[in-house]
N, C-alpha and C. Protein backbone atom coordinates (compact mmCIF):
# COMPACT_ATOMS: atom_id res chain seq x y z
N MET A 1 14.52 6.47 -103.78
CA MET A 1 14.18 5.15 -103.34
C MET A 1 13.16 5.18 -102.25
N VAL A 2 12.16 4.44 -102.32
CA VAL A 2 11.11 4.47 -101.31
C VAL A 2 10.47 3.07 -101.31
N ARG A 3 9.84 2.67 -100.26
CA ARG A 3 9.11 1.49 -100.12
C ARG A 3 7.80 1.74 -100.96
N GLU A 4 7.55 0.70 -101.83
CA GLU A 4 6.39 0.84 -102.71
C GLU A 4 5.06 1.01 -101.85
N LEU A 5 5.00 0.27 -100.80
CA LEU A 5 3.90 0.29 -99.95
C LEU A 5 3.44 1.62 -99.50
N LEU A 6 4.45 2.43 -99.16
CA LEU A 6 4.24 3.79 -98.69
C LEU A 6 3.99 4.75 -99.76
N ALA A 7 4.29 4.40 -101.04
CA ALA A 7 4.09 5.32 -102.16
C ALA A 7 3.04 4.84 -103.10
N ALA A 8 2.30 3.84 -102.72
CA ALA A 8 1.27 3.23 -103.60
C ALA A 8 0.29 4.26 -104.14
N ASP A 9 -0.25 5.16 -103.38
CA ASP A 9 -1.11 6.13 -103.81
C ASP A 9 -0.49 7.10 -104.80
N ALA A 10 0.66 7.52 -104.54
CA ALA A 10 1.48 8.51 -105.45
C ALA A 10 1.75 7.70 -106.73
N LEU A 11 2.13 6.48 -106.69
CA LEU A 11 2.39 5.76 -107.93
C LEU A 11 1.04 5.61 -108.80
N ARG A 12 -0.01 5.28 -108.06
CA ARG A 12 -1.32 5.11 -108.79
C ARG A 12 -1.75 6.39 -109.34
N ASP A 13 -1.51 7.56 -108.71
CA ASP A 13 -1.97 8.85 -109.19
C ASP A 13 -1.06 9.50 -110.22
N GLY A 14 0.09 8.93 -110.38
CA GLY A 14 1.06 9.44 -111.39
C GLY A 14 2.02 10.58 -110.75
N ARG A 15 1.86 10.76 -109.41
CA ARG A 15 2.76 11.77 -108.82
C ARG A 15 4.21 11.25 -108.65
N LEU A 16 4.37 9.93 -108.63
CA LEU A 16 5.67 9.35 -108.72
C LEU A 16 5.70 8.29 -109.82
N ALA A 17 6.90 8.14 -110.38
CA ALA A 17 6.98 7.21 -111.46
C ALA A 17 8.21 6.18 -111.16
N ARG A 18 7.97 4.97 -111.54
CA ARG A 18 9.18 4.06 -111.40
C ARG A 18 10.12 4.26 -112.43
N LEU A 19 11.39 4.38 -112.10
CA LEU A 19 12.42 4.64 -113.12
C LEU A 19 13.01 3.31 -113.58
N PHE A 20 12.93 2.24 -112.83
CA PHE A 20 13.52 0.98 -113.20
C PHE A 20 12.46 -0.16 -112.73
N ASP A 21 12.47 -1.24 -113.45
CA ASP A 21 11.66 -2.35 -113.09
C ASP A 21 12.43 -3.29 -112.08
N VAL A 22 13.02 -2.65 -111.11
CA VAL A 22 13.76 -3.45 -110.15
C VAL A 22 13.17 -3.14 -108.69
N SER A 23 12.98 -4.26 -108.09
CA SER A 23 12.47 -4.13 -106.73
C SER A 23 12.98 -5.22 -105.76
N VAL A 24 13.02 -4.98 -104.55
CA VAL A 24 13.50 -5.91 -103.54
C VAL A 24 12.31 -6.39 -102.78
N LEU A 25 12.08 -7.69 -102.80
CA LEU A 25 10.95 -8.19 -102.02
C LEU A 25 11.43 -8.63 -100.62
N LEU A 26 10.71 -8.29 -99.61
CA LEU A 26 11.08 -8.65 -98.28
C LEU A 26 9.93 -9.51 -97.67
N GLU A 27 9.62 -10.59 -98.27
CA GLU A 27 8.54 -11.35 -97.85
C GLU A 27 8.73 -11.94 -96.44
N GLY A 28 7.73 -11.85 -95.63
CA GLY A 28 7.82 -12.39 -94.22
C GLY A 28 8.66 -11.50 -93.32
N VAL A 29 9.00 -10.39 -93.74
CA VAL A 29 9.82 -9.49 -92.84
C VAL A 29 8.85 -8.36 -92.39
N ARG A 30 8.88 -8.18 -91.08
CA ARG A 30 8.07 -7.12 -90.53
C ARG A 30 8.97 -5.85 -90.53
N ALA A 31 8.72 -4.88 -91.41
CA ALA A 31 9.63 -3.76 -91.60
C ALA A 31 9.28 -2.61 -90.56
N TYR A 32 7.96 -2.75 -89.95
CA TYR A 32 7.65 -1.65 -89.07
C TYR A 32 7.06 -2.28 -87.79
N SER A 33 7.24 -1.59 -86.67
CA SER A 33 6.69 -2.02 -85.41
C SER A 33 6.03 -0.79 -84.78
N LEU A 34 4.90 -1.17 -84.18
CA LEU A 34 4.13 -0.10 -83.38
C LEU A 34 4.50 -0.46 -81.95
N VAL A 35 5.17 0.50 -81.26
CA VAL A 35 5.66 0.17 -79.88
C VAL A 35 4.86 1.01 -78.85
N TYR A 36 4.44 0.32 -77.83
CA TYR A 36 3.62 0.97 -76.81
C TYR A 36 3.75 0.11 -75.55
N PRO A 37 3.45 0.79 -74.43
CA PRO A 37 3.49 0.09 -73.13
C PRO A 37 2.48 -1.05 -73.05
N PRO A 38 2.87 -2.20 -72.60
CA PRO A 38 1.98 -3.28 -72.50
C PRO A 38 0.56 -3.00 -71.84
N ALA A 39 0.65 -2.10 -70.89
CA ALA A 39 -0.60 -1.76 -70.12
C ALA A 39 -1.65 -1.04 -71.10
N LEU A 40 -1.16 -0.52 -72.17
CA LEU A 40 -2.11 0.14 -73.18
C LEU A 40 -2.58 -0.80 -74.24
N LYS A 41 -2.31 -2.07 -74.16
CA LYS A 41 -2.67 -2.94 -75.29
C LYS A 41 -4.16 -2.85 -75.62
N GLU A 42 -5.00 -2.83 -74.61
CA GLU A 42 -6.48 -2.89 -74.85
C GLU A 42 -7.10 -1.48 -74.70
N TRP A 43 -6.33 -0.41 -74.85
CA TRP A 43 -6.75 0.93 -74.73
C TRP A 43 -7.52 1.19 -76.05
N PRO A 44 -8.76 1.62 -76.11
CA PRO A 44 -9.49 1.84 -77.32
C PRO A 44 -8.83 2.75 -78.43
N PRO A 45 -8.28 3.90 -77.97
CA PRO A 45 -7.58 4.69 -79.06
C PRO A 45 -6.43 3.88 -79.71
N LEU A 46 -5.74 3.16 -78.97
CA LEU A 46 -4.66 2.31 -79.52
C LEU A 46 -5.16 1.21 -80.43
N ILE A 47 -6.20 0.57 -80.02
CA ILE A 47 -6.95 -0.43 -80.92
C ILE A 47 -7.32 0.22 -82.17
N ALA A 48 -7.94 1.39 -82.11
CA ALA A 48 -8.36 2.14 -83.31
C ALA A 48 -7.18 2.42 -84.24
N LEU A 49 -6.10 2.89 -83.55
CA LEU A 49 -4.90 3.21 -84.36
C LEU A 49 -4.37 2.01 -85.07
N ARG A 50 -4.20 0.91 -84.37
CA ARG A 50 -3.70 -0.35 -85.00
C ARG A 50 -4.67 -0.76 -86.18
N GLY A 51 -5.87 -0.68 -85.96
CA GLY A 51 -6.89 -1.08 -87.00
C GLY A 51 -6.78 -0.07 -88.25
N TRP A 52 -6.57 1.18 -88.04
CA TRP A 52 -6.44 2.10 -89.07
C TRP A 52 -5.16 1.90 -89.87
N LEU A 53 -4.07 1.65 -89.07
CA LEU A 53 -2.78 1.36 -89.83
C LEU A 53 -2.87 0.19 -90.71
N ARG A 54 -3.44 -0.91 -90.11
CA ARG A 54 -3.54 -2.19 -90.85
C ARG A 54 -4.37 -1.94 -92.07
N ALA A 55 -5.49 -1.17 -91.97
CA ALA A 55 -6.35 -0.93 -93.23
C ALA A 55 -5.60 -0.21 -94.24
N GLU A 56 -4.78 0.84 -93.79
CA GLU A 56 -4.10 1.70 -94.75
C GLU A 56 -2.93 0.80 -95.48
N PHE A 57 -2.29 -0.03 -94.74
CA PHE A 57 -1.28 -0.86 -95.39
C PHE A 57 -1.94 -1.82 -96.36
N ASP A 58 -3.06 -2.40 -95.95
CA ASP A 58 -3.75 -3.33 -96.77
C ASP A 58 -4.23 -2.71 -98.05
N LEU A 59 -4.78 -1.40 -97.98
CA LEU A 59 -5.21 -0.71 -99.11
C LEU A 59 -4.14 -0.42 -100.03
N SER A 60 -2.95 0.04 -99.52
CA SER A 60 -1.79 0.29 -100.28
C SER A 60 -1.34 -0.95 -101.04
N LEU A 61 -1.24 -2.03 -100.37
CA LEU A 61 -0.84 -3.32 -100.86
C LEU A 61 -1.76 -3.69 -102.06
N LYS A 62 -3.08 -3.54 -101.83
CA LYS A 62 -3.97 -3.90 -102.85
C LYS A 62 -3.82 -3.01 -104.11
N MET A 63 -3.56 -1.64 -103.94
CA MET A 63 -3.25 -0.85 -105.04
C MET A 63 -2.11 -1.27 -105.88
N LEU A 64 -1.09 -1.64 -105.08
CA LEU A 64 0.23 -2.14 -105.77
C LEU A 64 -0.03 -3.38 -106.55
N ARG A 65 -0.77 -4.30 -105.98
CA ARG A 65 -1.05 -5.53 -106.69
C ARG A 65 -1.88 -5.33 -107.93
N GLU A 66 -2.94 -4.48 -107.80
CA GLU A 66 -3.76 -4.20 -108.98
C GLU A 66 -2.92 -3.47 -110.04
N GLY A 67 -2.04 -2.52 -109.57
CA GLY A 67 -1.24 -1.78 -110.56
C GLY A 67 -0.21 -2.73 -111.29
N ALA A 68 0.22 -3.69 -110.57
CA ALA A 68 1.21 -4.64 -111.23
C ALA A 68 0.52 -5.48 -112.20
N ILE A 69 -0.74 -5.94 -111.96
CA ILE A 69 -1.51 -6.66 -112.87
C ILE A 69 -1.90 -5.83 -114.08
N SER A 70 -2.24 -4.68 -113.85
CA SER A 70 -2.68 -3.82 -115.10
C SER A 70 -1.50 -3.38 -115.90
N GLU A 71 -0.30 -3.37 -115.42
CA GLU A 71 0.86 -2.96 -116.23
C GLU A 71 1.36 -4.01 -117.14
N ARG A 72 1.00 -5.34 -116.90
CA ARG A 72 1.46 -6.42 -117.59
C ARG A 72 0.80 -6.52 -118.91
């Protein structure tokens, strides 16, 4: 069992396969948190990390959505 979002590239590349057409949707739930001291909120490396993480999650989500559409 794995979160689809974290396995999107492996699913797309065929390195992982879905065994069942069952999934649990957690809409509106923030499953991950990036924790840091408030004083570092505007620290450029942290801003870069947040941006990179968001971009990676968005890319994985896009791959999942495109895969779901092409499988139908």
